[in-house]
C-alpha atoms as a PDB file:
ATOM      1  CA  UNK A   1     -49.452 136.933 119.599  1.00  0.00           C
ATOM      2  CA  UNK A   2     -52.816 136.480 117.855  1.00  0.00           C
ATOM      3  CA  UNK A   3     -53.151 133.519 115.515  1.00  0.00           C
ATOM      4  CA  UNK A   4     -54.015 134.211 111.860  1.00  0.00           C
ATOM      5  CA  UNK A   5     -57.115 132.229 110.901  1.00  0.00           C
ATOM      6  CA  UNK A   6     -58.155 131.697 107.277  1.00  0.00           C
ATOM      7  CA  UNK A   7     -61.739 130.963 106.293  1.00  0.00           C
ATOM      8  CA  UNK A   8     -64.064 131.433 103.338  1.00  0.00           C
ATOM      9  CA  UNK A   9     -65.729 134.876 103.169  1.00  0.00           C
ATOM     10  CA  UNK A  10     -69.473 135.375 103.510  1.00  0.00           C
ATOM     11  CA  UNK A  11     -71.481 137.493 101.076  1.00  0.00           C
ATOM     12  CA  UNK A  12     -72.687 139.657 103.979  1.00  0.00           C
ATOM     13  CA  UNK A  13     -69.044 140.689 104.492  1.00  0.00           C
ATOM     14  CA  UNK A  14     -68.684 142.347 101.071  1.00  0.00           C
ATOM     15  CA  UNK A  15     -69.240 145.871 102.414  1.00  0.00           C
ATOM     16  CA  UNK A  16     -66.505 145.382 105.013  1.00  0.00           C
ATOM     17  CA  UNK A  17     -64.111 143.937 102.446  1.00  0.00           C
ATOM     18  CA  UNK A  18     -64.697 146.958 100.209  1.00  0.00           C
ATOM     19  CA  UNK A  19     -64.010 149.316 103.127  1.00  0.00           C
ATOM     20  CA  UNK A  20     -60.788 147.439 103.893  1.00  0.00           C
ATOM     21  CA  UNK A  21     -59.748 147.530 100.221  1.00  0.00           C
ATOM     22  CA  UNK A  22     -60.415 151.234  99.876  1.00  0.00           C
ATOM     23  CA  UNK A  23     -58.450 151.941 103.065  1.00  0.00           C
ATOM     24  CA  UNK A  24     -55.561 149.996 101.511  1.00  0.00           C
ATOM     25  CA  UNK A  25     -55.888 151.894  98.236  1.00  0.00           C
ATOM     26  CA  UNK A  26     -55.674 155.222 100.051  1.00  0.00           C
ATOM     27  CA  UNK A  27     -52.627 154.067 102.018  1.00  0.00           C
ATOM     28  CA  UNK A  28     -50.901 152.712  98.885  1.00  0.00           C
ATOM     29  CA  UNK A  29     -51.646 155.629  96.589  1.00  0.00           C
ATOM     30  CA  UNK A  30     -53.961 153.600  94.337  1.00  0.00           C
ATOM     31  CA  UNK A  31     -56.619 155.999  93.086  1.00  0.00           C
ATOM     32  CA  UNK A  32     -59.462 153.541  92.816  1.00  0.00           C
ATOM     33  CA  UNK A  33     -62.603 152.836  94.816  1.00  0.00           C
ATOM     34  CA  UNK A  34     -63.941 149.280  95.012  1.00  0.00           C
ATOM     35  CA  UNK A  35     -67.738 149.308  94.912  1.00  0.00           C
ATOM     36  CA  UNK A  36     -69.854 146.669  96.642  1.00  0.00           C
ATOM     37  CA  UNK A  37     -71.623 145.766  93.396  1.00  0.00           C
ATOM     38  CA  UNK A  38     -68.257 145.281  91.699  1.00  0.00           C
ATOM     39  CA  UNK A  39     -66.867 142.944  94.354  1.00  0.00           C
ATOM     40  CA  UNK A  40     -70.159 141.053  94.644  1.00  0.00           C
ATOM     41  CA  UNK A  41     -70.069 140.434  90.901  1.00  0.00           C
ATOM     42  CA  UNK A  42     -66.421 139.311  91.002  1.00  0.00           C
ATOM     43  CA  UNK A  43     -66.947 136.900  93.905  1.00  0.00           C
ATOM     44  CA  UNK A  44     -70.073 135.597  92.189  1.00  0.00           C
ATOM     45  CA  UNK A  45     -67.920 134.153  89.414  1.00  0.00           C
ATOM     46  CA  UNK A  46     -65.868 132.106  91.907  1.00  0.00           C
ATOM     47  CA  UNK A  47     -66.268 128.981  93.988  1.00  0.00           C
ATOM     48  CA  UNK A  48     -65.976 131.137  97.104  1.00  0.00           C
ATOM     49  CA  UNK A  49     -65.773 128.185  99.505  1.00  0.00           C
ATOM     50  CA  UNK A  50     -62.623 126.947  97.763  1.00  0.00           C
ATOM     51  CA  UNK A  51     -61.135 129.926  95.959  1.00  0.00           C
ATOM     52  CA  UNK A  52     -61.405 132.838  98.417  1.00  0.00           C
ATOM     53  CA  UNK A  53     -60.176 133.408 101.959  1.00  0.00           C
ATOM     54  CA  UNK A  54     -60.380 136.121 104.566  1.00  0.00           C
ATOM     55  CA  UNK A  55     -57.666 136.310 107.201  1.00  0.00           C
ATOM     56  CA  UNK A  56     -58.844 136.949 110.754  1.00  0.00           C
ATOM     57  CA  UNK A  57     -56.481 138.358 113.333  1.00  0.00           C
ATOM     58  CA  UNK A  58     -57.813 138.657 116.865  1.00  0.00           C
ATOM     59  CA  UNK A  59     -61.335 138.031 115.586  1.00  0.00           C
ATOM     60  CA  UNK A  60     -61.127 140.881 113.072  1.00  0.00           C
ATOM     61  CA  UNK A  61     -60.772 140.617 109.287  1.00  0.00           C
ATOM     62  CA  UNK A  62     -57.245 141.801 108.500  1.00  0.00           C
ATOM     63  CA  UNK A  63     -57.076 140.922 104.808  1.00  0.00           C
ATOM     64  CA  UNK A  64     -58.424 138.701 102.079  1.00  0.00           C
ATOM     65  CA  UNK A  65     -57.434 137.000  98.839  1.00  0.00           C
ATOM     66  CA  UNK A  66     -59.103 135.145  95.999  1.00  0.00           C
ATOM     67  CA  UNK A  67     -58.074 133.219  92.898  1.00  0.00           C
ATOM     68  CA  UNK A  68     -59.181 134.154  89.383  1.00  0.00           C
ATOM     69  CA  UNK A  69     -58.815 131.168  87.064  1.00  0.00           C
ATOM     70  CA  UNK A  70     -60.576 130.829  83.712  1.00  0.00           C
ATOM     71  CA  UNK A  71     -59.169 127.831  81.792  1.00  0.00           C
ATOM     72  CA  UNK A  72     -58.145 128.784  78.260  1.00  0.00           C
ATOM     73  CA  UNK A  73     -57.414 125.368  76.826  1.00  0.00           C
ATOM     74  CA  UNK A  74     -54.741 126.746  74.493  1.00  0.00           C
ATOM     75  CA  UNK A  75     -51.518 128.788  74.440  1.00  0.00           C
ATOM     76  CA  UNK A  76     -51.093 128.891  78.227  1.00  0.00           C
ATOM     77  CA  UNK A  77     -52.968 128.733  81.513  1.00  0.00           C
ATOM     78  CA  UNK A  78     -52.686 131.301  84.262  1.00  0.00           C
ATOM     79  CA  UNK A  79     -54.272 131.833  87.646  1.00  0.00           C
ATOM     80  CA  UNK A  80     -54.214 135.281  89.251  1.00  0.00           C
ATOM     81  CA  UNK A  81     -54.155 135.993  92.977  1.00  0.00           C
ATOM     82  CA  UNK A  82     -55.997 139.160  94.027  1.00  0.00           C
ATOM     83  CA  UNK A  83     -56.440 140.670  97.470  1.00  0.00           C
ATOM     84  CA  UNK A  84     -55.054 143.050 100.050  1.00  0.00           C
ATOM     85  CA  UNK A  85     -54.123 143.457 103.708  1.00  0.00           C
ATOM     86  CA  UNK A  86     -55.412 146.184 105.977  1.00  0.00           C
ATOM     87  CA  UNK A  87     -52.565 148.709 106.483  1.00  0.00           C
ATOM     88  CA  UNK A  88     -53.114 148.430 110.256  1.00  0.00           C
ATOM     89  CA  UNK A  89     -52.321 144.699 110.103  1.00  0.00           C
ATOM     90  CA  UNK A  90     -49.263 144.676 107.868  1.00  0.00           C
ATOM     91  CA  UNK A  91     -45.916 143.328 108.995  1.00  0.00           C
ATOM     92  CA  UNK A  92     -47.436 140.538 111.101  1.00  0.00           C
ATOM     93  CA  UNK A  93     -47.604 137.734 108.561  1.00  0.00           C
ATOM     94  CA  UNK A  94     -51.147 138.240 107.226  1.00  0.00           C
ATOM     95  CA  UNK A  95     -50.016 138.954 103.679  1.00  0.00           C
ATOM     96  CA  UNK A  96     -47.538 136.087 103.745  1.00  0.00           C
ATOM     97  CA  UNK A  97     -50.222 133.665 104.981  1.00  0.00           C
ATOM     98  CA  UNK A  98     -52.723 134.740 102.333  1.00  0.00           C
ATOM     99  CA  UNK A  99     -50.190 134.650  99.521  1.00  0.00           C
ATOM    100  CA  UNK A 100     -48.996 131.176 100.499  1.00  0.00           C
ATOM    101  CA  UNK A 101     -52.586 129.939 100.552  1.00  0.00           C
ATOM    102  CA  UNK A 102     -53.260 131.660  97.214  1.00  0.00           C
ATOM    103  CA  UNK A 103     -50.179 130.147  95.585  1.00  0.00           C
ATOM    104  CA  UNK A 104     -51.090 126.656  96.778  1.00  0.00           C
ATOM    105  CA  UNK A 105     -54.721 126.956  95.663  1.00  0.00           C
ATOM    106  CA  UNK A 106     -53.795 128.500  92.302  1.00  0.00           C
ATOM    107  CA  UNK A 107     -51.351 125.650  91.732  1.00  0.00           C
ATOM    108  CA  UNK A 108     -54.073 123.085  92.480  1.00  0.00           C
ATOM    109  CA  UNK A 109     -56.381 124.723  89.941  1.00  0.00           C
ATOM    110  CA  UNK A 110     -53.704 124.940  87.274  1.00  0.00           C
ATOM    111  CA  UNK A 111     -52.860 121.242  87.733  1.00  0.00           C
ATOM    112  CA  UNK A 112     -56.391 120.416  86.518  1.00  0.00           C
ATOM    113  CA  UNK A 113     -55.633 121.947  83.092  1.00  0.00           C
ATOM    114  CA  UNK A 114     -54.004 120.410  80.025  1.00  0.00           C
ATOM    115  CA  UNK A 115     -50.586 119.132  81.196  1.00  0.00           C
ATOM    116  CA  UNK A 116     -49.014 120.111  77.864  1.00  0.00           C
ATOM    117  CA  UNK A 117     -49.663 123.837  78.338  1.00  0.00           C
ATOM    118  CA  UNK A 118     -47.308 126.195  80.208  1.00  0.00           C
ATOM    119  CA  UNK A 119     -48.812 127.316  83.519  1.00  0.00           C
ATOM    120  CA  UNK A 120     -48.297 130.432  85.633  1.00  0.00           C
ATOM    121  CA  UNK A 121     -49.418 131.795  88.982  1.00  0.00           C
ATOM    122  CA  UNK A 122     -49.533 135.593  88.684  1.00  0.00           C
ATOM    123  CA  UNK A 123     -49.869 138.604  90.967  1.00  0.00           C
ATOM    124  CA  UNK A 124     -50.243 142.244  89.933  1.00  0.00           C
ATOM    125  CA  UNK A 125     -48.527 144.880  92.109  1.00  0.00           C
ATOM    126  CA  UNK A 126     -48.430 148.642  91.638  1.00  0.00           C
ATOM    127  CA  UNK A 127     -44.837 149.766  91.347  1.00  0.00           C
ATOM    128  CA  UNK A 128     -45.010 152.152  94.318  1.00  0.00           C
ATOM    129  CA  UNK A 129     -46.155 149.498  96.848  1.00  0.00           C
ATOM    130  CA  UNK A 130     -42.737 148.467  98.129  1.00  0.00           C
ATOM    131  CA  UNK A 131     -43.888 146.089 100.877  1.00  0.00           C
ATOM    132  CA  UNK A 132     -46.034 144.091  98.439  1.00  0.00           C
ATOM    133  CA  UNK A 133     -43.196 143.842  95.917  1.00  0.00           C
ATOM    134  CA  UNK A 134     -40.822 142.606  98.606  1.00  0.00           C
ATOM    135  CA  UNK A 135     -43.367 140.038  99.824  1.00  0.00           C
ATOM    136  CA  UNK A 136     -44.103 138.470  96.444  1.00  0.00           C
ATOM    137  CA  UNK A 137     -40.415 138.220  95.639  1.00  0.00           C
ATOM    138  CA  UNK A 138     -39.640 136.597  99.001  1.00  0.00           C
ATOM    139  CA  UNK A 139     -42.246 133.929  98.184  1.00  0.00           C
ATOM    140  CA  UNK A 140     -40.679 133.097  94.856  1.00  0.00           C
ATOM    141  CA  UNK A 141     -42.459 135.351  92.379  1.00  0.00           C
ATOM    142  CA  UNK A 142     -40.307 137.002  89.727  1.00  0.00           C
ATOM    143  CA  UNK A 143     -41.147 140.181  87.775  1.00  0.00           C
ATOM    144  CA  UNK A 144     -42.270 139.178  84.286  1.00  0.00           C
ATOM    145  CA  UNK A 145     -43.809 142.253  82.663  1.00  0.00           C
ATOM    146  CA  UNK A 146     -44.372 145.956  83.258  1.00  0.00           C
ATOM    147  CA  UNK A 147     -47.620 147.677  82.344  1.00  0.00           C
ATOM    148  CA  UNK A 148     -48.390 151.376  82.118  1.00  0.00           C
ATOM    149  CA  UNK A 149     -51.600 153.265  82.832  1.00  0.00           C
ATOM    150  CA  UNK A 150     -51.781 156.324  80.601  1.00  0.00           C
ATOM    151  CA  UNK A 151     -54.009 159.366  80.956  1.00  0.00           C
ATOM    152  CA  UNK A 152     -55.236 162.085  78.598  1.00  0.00           C
ATOM    153  CA  UNK A 153     -57.476 165.095  79.294  1.00  0.00           C
ATOM    154  CA  UNK A 154     -60.468 165.358  76.983  1.00  0.00           C
ATOM    155  CA  UNK A 155     -59.557 168.747  75.603  1.00  0.00           C
ATOM    156  CA  UNK A 156     -58.268 169.589  72.129  1.00  0.00           C
ATOM    157  CA  UNK A 157     -59.832 166.413  70.796  1.00  0.00           C
ATOM    158  CA  UNK A 158     -58.420 165.083  67.528  1.00  0.00           C
ATOM    159  CA  UNK A 159     -60.380 165.427  64.315  1.00  0.00           C
ATOM    160  CA  UNK A 160     -62.397 162.303  63.575  1.00  0.00           C
ATOM    161  CA  UNK A 161     -60.864 160.639  60.546  1.00  0.00           C
ATOM    162  CA  UNK A 162     -60.850 157.106  59.145  1.00  0.00           C
ATOM    163  CA  UNK A 163     -59.609 155.357  56.012  1.00  0.00           C
ATOM    164  CA  UNK A 164     -62.312 155.635  53.327  1.00  0.00           C
ATOM    165  CA  UNK A 165     -62.638 151.852  53.161  1.00  0.00           C
ATOM    166  CA  UNK A 166     -63.864 151.681  56.763  1.00  0.00           C
ATOM    167  CA  UNK A 167     -66.491 153.036  59.112  1.00  0.00           C
ATOM    168  CA  UNK A 168     -66.309 153.567  62.868  1.00  0.00           C
ATOM    169  CA  UNK A 169     -69.680 152.514  64.251  1.00  0.00           C
ATOM    170  CA  UNK A 170     -71.494 152.125  67.551  1.00  0.00           C
ATOM    171  CA  UNK A 171     -71.231 148.821  69.387  1.00  0.00           C
ATOM    172  CA  UNK A 172     -73.385 146.389  67.369  1.00  0.00           C
ATOM    173  CA  UNK A 173     -76.186 144.269  68.764  1.00  0.00           C
ATOM    174  CA  UNK A 174     -76.434 140.639  67.729  1.00  0.00           C
ATOM    175  CA  UNK A 175     -72.870 140.372  66.418  1.00  0.00           C
ATOM    176  CA  UNK A 176     -71.121 138.995  69.489  1.00  0.00           C
ATOM    177  CA  UNK A 177     -69.516 136.100  67.601  1.00  0.00           C
ATOM    178  CA  UNK A 178     -67.859 138.509  65.136  1.00  0.00           C
ATOM    179  CA  UNK A 179     -66.665 140.881  67.831  1.00  0.00           C
ATOM    180  CA  UNK A 180     -65.293 138.007  69.908  1.00  0.00           C
ATOM    181  CA  UNK A 181     -63.389 136.609  66.914  1.00  0.00           C
ATOM    182  CA  UNK A 182     -61.831 140.030  66.264  1.00  0.00           C
ATOM    183  CA  UNK A 183     -60.797 140.394  69.905  1.00  0.00           C
ATOM    184  CA  UNK A 184     -59.219 136.946  70.023  1.00  0.00           C
ATOM    185  CA  UNK A 185     -57.286 137.428  66.776  1.00  0.00           C
ATOM    186  CA  UNK A 186     -56.147 140.927  67.726  1.00  0.00           C
ATOM    187  CA  UNK A 187     -54.723 139.757  71.060  1.00  0.00           C
ATOM    188  CA  UNK A 188     -53.184 136.494  69.841  1.00  0.00           C
ATOM    189  CA  UNK A 189     -49.708 138.082  69.867  1.00  0.00           C
ATOM    190  CA  UNK A 190     -50.102 139.910  73.192  1.00  0.00           C
ATOM    191  CA  UNK A 191     -48.049 138.718  76.142  1.00  0.00           C
ATOM    192  CA  UNK A 192     -50.035 136.663  78.640  1.00  0.00           C
ATOM    193  CA  UNK A 193     -53.253 136.836  76.645  1.00  0.00           C
ATOM    194  CA  UNK A 194     -55.478 133.843  76.009  1.00  0.00           C
ATOM    195  CA  UNK A 195     -58.628 133.537  73.869  1.00  0.00           C
ATOM    196  CA  UNK A 196     -61.942 134.459  75.441  1.00  0.00           C
ATOM    197  CA  UNK A 197     -64.768 131.964  75.308  1.00  0.00           C
ATOM    198  CA  UNK A 198     -68.266 133.078  74.341  1.00  0.00           C
ATOM    199  CA  UNK A 199     -69.276 132.880  78.012  1.00  0.00           C
ATOM    200  CA  UNK A 200     -66.330 135.013  79.063  1.00  0.00           C
ATOM    201  CA  UNK A 201     -67.145 137.589  76.400  1.00  0.00           C
ATOM    202  CA  UNK A 202     -70.772 137.864  77.553  1.00  0.00           C
ATOM    203  CA  UNK A 203     -69.573 138.122  81.149  1.00  0.00           C
ATOM    204  CA  UNK A 204     -67.277 141.033  80.315  1.00  0.00           C
ATOM    205  CA  UNK A 205     -69.699 142.824  77.977  1.00  0.00           C
ATOM    206  CA  UNK A 206     -72.316 142.840  80.725  1.00  0.00           C
ATOM    207  CA  UNK A 207     -70.034 143.399  83.701  1.00  0.00           C
ATOM    208  CA  UNK A 208     -69.816 146.222  86.191  1.00  0.00           C
ATOM    209  CA  UNK A 209     -68.160 149.258  84.633  1.00  0.00           C
ATOM    210  CA  UNK A 210     -68.540 148.207  80.987  1.00  0.00           C
ATOM    211  CA  UNK A 211     -70.092 150.970  78.864  1.00  0.00           C
ATOM    212  CA  UNK A 212     -71.222 149.687  75.490  1.00  0.00           C
ATOM    213  CA  UNK A 213     -72.830 153.077  74.794  1.00  0.00           C
ATOM    214  CA  UNK A 214     -69.379 154.670  74.469  1.00  0.00           C
ATOM    215  CA  UNK A 215     -67.724 151.643  72.835  1.00  0.00           C
ATOM    216  CA  UNK A 216     -67.154 151.365  69.079  1.00  0.00           C
ATOM    217  CA  UNK A 217     -66.168 148.953  66.317  1.00  0.00           C
ATOM    218  CA  UNK A 218     -64.505 149.321  62.921  1.00  0.00           C
ATOM    219  CA  UNK A 219     -66.438 148.020  59.909  1.00  0.00           C
ATOM    220  CA  UNK A 220     -64.951 147.064  56.535  1.00  0.00           C
ATOM    221  CA  UNK A 221     -67.251 148.848  54.067  1.00  0.00           C
ATOM    222  CA  UNK A 222     -66.630 146.352  51.272  1.00  0.00           C
ATOM    223  CA  UNK A 223     -67.655 143.269  53.255  1.00  0.00           C
ATOM    224  CA  UNK A 224     -69.633 144.735  56.138  1.00  0.00           C
ATOM    225  CA  UNK A 225     -67.478 142.713  58.537  1.00  0.00           C
ATOM    226  CA  UNK A 226     -66.390 143.878  61.989  1.00  0.00           C
ATOM    227  CA  UNK A 227     -62.586 144.151  61.817  1.00  0.00           C
ATOM    228  CA  UNK A 228     -61.757 146.229  64.898  1.00  0.00           C
ATOM    229  CA  UNK A 229     -63.083 146.599  68.448  1.00  0.00           C
ATOM    230  CA  UNK A 230     -62.805 149.220  71.170  1.00  0.00           C
ATOM    231  CA  UNK A 231     -64.590 148.169  74.366  1.00  0.00           C
ATOM    232  CA  UNK A 232     -64.743 150.900  76.999  1.00  0.00           C
ATOM    233  CA  UNK A 233     -65.528 151.275  80.697  1.00  0.00           C
ATOM    234  CA  UNK A 234     -66.359 153.884  83.343  1.00  0.00           C
ATOM    235  CA  UNK A 235     -66.198 153.628  87.139  1.00  0.00           C
ATOM    236  CA  UNK A 236     -68.200 156.509  88.651  1.00  0.00           C
ATOM    237  CA  UNK A 237     -67.146 155.728  92.219  1.00  0.00           C
ATOM    238  CA  UNK A 238     -63.562 156.706  91.354  1.00  0.00           C
ATOM    239  CA  UNK A 239     -64.478 160.321  90.590  1.00  0.00           C
ATOM    240  CA  UNK A 240     -64.283 161.447  94.216  1.00  0.00           C
ATOM    241  CA  UNK A 241     -60.725 160.178  94.755  1.00  0.00           C
ATOM    242  CA  UNK A 242     -59.459 161.118  91.289  1.00  0.00           C
ATOM    243  CA  UNK A 243     -60.939 164.580  91.119  1.00  0.00           C
ATOM    244  CA  UNK A 244     -61.818 163.767  87.507  1.00  0.00           C
ATOM    245  CA  UNK A 245     -64.099 161.443  85.519  1.00  0.00           C
ATOM    246  CA  UNK A 246     -62.272 158.824  83.432  1.00  0.00           C
ATOM    247  CA  UNK A 247     -63.420 156.801  80.479  1.00  0.00           C
ATOM    248  CA  UNK A 248     -61.337 153.618  80.305  1.00  0.00           C
ATOM    249  CA  UNK A 249     -60.307 152.146  76.969  1.00  0.00           C
ATOM    250  CA  UNK A 250     -60.323 148.504  77.987  1.00  0.00           C
ATOM    251  CA  UNK A 251     -59.981 146.439  74.796  1.00  0.00           C
ATOM    252  CA  UNK A 252     -58.580 147.948  71.597  1.00  0.00           C
ATOM    253  CA  UNK A 253     -57.610 145.714  68.700  1.00  0.00           C
ATOM    254  CA  UNK A 254     -57.736 145.187  64.932  1.00  0.00           C
ATOM    255  CA  UNK A 255     -57.651 142.063  62.786  1.00  0.00           C
ATOM    256  CA  UNK A 256     -54.129 141.475  61.464  1.00  0.00           C
ATOM    257  CA  UNK A 257     -55.121 141.867  57.790  1.00  0.00           C
ATOM    258  CA  UNK A 258     -56.530 145.339  58.486  1.00  0.00           C
ATOM    259  CA  UNK A 259     -53.645 146.789  60.489  1.00  0.00           C
ATOM    260  CA  UNK A 260     -51.601 149.683  59.168  1.00  0.00           C
ATOM    261  CA  UNK A 261     -54.673 151.672  58.121  1.00  0.00           C
ATOM    262  CA  UNK A 262     -55.048 153.759  61.273  1.00  0.00           C
ATOM    263  CA  UNK A 263     -58.085 151.894  62.594  1.00  0.00           C
ATOM    264  CA  UNK A 264     -56.821 151.705  66.183  1.00  0.00           C
ATOM    265  CA  UNK A 265     -56.270 155.474  66.184  1.00  0.00           C
ATOM    266  CA  UNK A 266     -59.659 156.073  64.575  1.00  0.00           C
ATOM    267  CA  UNK A 267     -61.500 153.909  67.128  1.00  0.00           C
ATOM    268  CA  UNK A 268     -59.587 155.497  69.987  1.00  0.00           C
ATOM    269  CA  UNK A 269     -60.323 159.013  68.723  1.00  0.00           C
ATOM    270  CA  UNK A 270     -64.008 158.176  68.291  1.00  0.00           C
ATOM    271  CA  UNK A 271     -64.032 156.900  71.885  1.00  0.00           C
ATOM    272  CA  UNK A 272     -62.526 160.165  73.136  1.00  0.00           C
ATOM    273  CA  UNK A 273     -65.363 162.104  71.504  1.00  0.00           C
ATOM    274  CA  UNK A 274     -67.930 159.757  73.004  1.00  0.00           C
ATOM    275  CA  UNK A 275     -66.309 160.080  76.430  1.00  0.00           C
ATOM    276  CA  UNK A 276     -66.540 163.868  76.222  1.00  0.00           C
ATOM    277  CA  UNK A 277     -70.160 163.602  75.125  1.00  0.00           C
ATOM    278  CA  UNK A 278     -70.907 161.416  78.163  1.00  0.00           C
ATOM    279  CA  UNK A 279     -69.467 164.082  80.481  1.00  0.00           C
ATOM    280  CA  UNK A 280     -66.131 162.430  81.241  1.00  0.00           C
ATOM    281  CA  UNK A 281     -63.123 164.718  81.663  1.00  0.00           C
ATOM    282  CA  UNK A 282     -60.276 162.277  80.906  1.00  0.00           C
ATOM    283  CA  UNK A 283     -59.451 159.057  79.086  1.00  0.00           C
ATOM    284  CA  UNK A 284     -57.287 156.273  80.505  1.00  0.00           C
ATOM    285  CA  UNK A 285     -55.741 153.227  78.874  1.00  0.00           C
ATOM    286  CA  UNK A 286     -53.496 150.401  80.040  1.00  0.00           C
ATOM    287  CA  UNK A 287     -50.681 149.147  77.850  1.00  0.00           C
ATOM    288  CA  UNK A 288     -47.889 146.598  77.942  1.00  0.00           C
ATOM    289  CA  UNK A 289     -44.673 148.610  78.199  1.00  0.00           C
ATOM    290  CA  UNK A 290     -43.077 146.142  75.757  1.00  0.00           C
ATOM    291  CA  UNK A 291     -46.064 145.826  73.419  1.00  0.00           C
ATOM    292  CA  UNK A 292     -45.063 144.166  70.134  1.00  0.00           C
ATOM    293  CA  UNK A 293     -47.446 146.464  68.231  1.00  0.00           C
ATOM    294  CA  UNK A 294     -45.822 149.661  69.530  1.00  0.00           C
ATOM    295  CA  UNK A 295     -49.140 150.640  71.081  1.00  0.00           C
ATOM    296  CA  UNK A 296     -47.534 152.601  73.920  1.00  0.00           C
ATOM    297  CA  UNK A 297     -45.827 154.886  71.386  1.00  0.00           C
ATOM    298  CA  UNK A 298     -49.085 155.330  69.461  1.00  0.00           C
ATOM    299  CA  UNK A 299     -50.952 156.382  72.603  1.00  0.00           C
ATOM    300  CA  UNK A 300     -48.333 158.948  73.511  1.00  0.00           C
ATOM    301  CA  UNK A 301     -48.596 160.456  70.032  1.00  0.00           C
ATOM    302  CA  UNK A 302     -52.323 160.757  70.668  1.00  0.00           C
ATOM    303  CA  UNK A 303     -51.776 162.805  73.823  1.00  0.00           C
ATOM    304  CA  UNK A 304     -51.602 160.178  76.576  1.00  0.00           C
ATOM    305  CA  UNK A 305     -49.009 160.482  79.357  1.00  0.00           C
ATOM    306  CA  UNK A 306     -47.842 158.051  82.038  1.00  0.00           C
ATOM    307  CA  UNK A 307     -49.899 158.040  85.228  1.00  0.00           C
ATOM    308  CA  UNK A 308     -48.998 154.753  86.971  1.00  0.00           C
ATOM    309  CA  UNK A 309     -47.037 151.550  86.396  1.00  0.00           C
ATOM    310  CA  UNK A 310     -47.736 148.076  87.714  1.00  0.00           C
ATOM    311  CA  UNK A 311     -45.770 144.860  87.533  1.00  0.00           C
ATOM    312  CA  UNK A 312     -46.900 141.322  86.781  1.00  0.00           C
ATOM    313  CA  UNK A 313     -45.018 138.863  88.964  1.00  0.00           C
ATOM    314  CA  UNK A 314     -45.248 135.155  88.271  1.00  0.00           C
ATOM    315  CA  UNK A 315     -44.207 131.659  89.234  1.00  0.00           C
ATOM    316  CA  UNK A 316     -44.012 129.144  86.390  1.00  0.00           C
ATOM    317  CA  UNK A 317     -45.084 125.656  87.384  1.00  0.00           C
END
């Protein structure tokens, strides 16, 4: 039997890792395409020598994994394990080997953080991938939260309407500190969320897939302050496998003092119109199935229906 060998990936292997990932996505019914630029960007934020591994089986790459860890310094710390195994190599211990390595490395990273904060190693698994769910549970991960991906066609768009005290505006230049403060306050009561740093915000705002041209904010007319944000994305490589063109509503939130005035709906509706204007055919959004704000119910009232579910599994240190 061939030995499984773990080593750090090389940047010249990105194309092959994307091919492997997309083969896995097809096998697992995940309608996404990983682009080389996207993976290159993601690996570029890591210490690849320490925080990423490919698994070789018989001299061939059979899977890979990497650790995403951005210290928050407050509320909680979490490290995520991402990766996949080639469908042709499953059942032979590759996934188990990678997940054990990932859990050990994630634990090492978390131990460097504030000892007073709760710490979690987390893995995301689509609900339909039975072998992955069985594997993570065998290695001690427990299901902690369910998330839904909702979809809406961009037809019969809602009338644009907003409380007279507010304006829905294009994404503003030069107001990153305001927008970041709104995002952090809006997500303070969301499960598993931690504040973004200024560096993290700039990283996300300029990352692969982010579309500031179809993103919006809510402005309080009386003060001129940004009080709501709706940051959106688009992944053109997914069109071929989806048979449609999705705009993704990635970050949607309102300052607590301005909730209850329909700003989330107004920003979402404005985004739908911008998506249609950009040539997209559908809108997608992810939501915590147990959201304390009732967001999942709001989105369904606005025409979104369930497309997929995924589960966050975790080990608490």
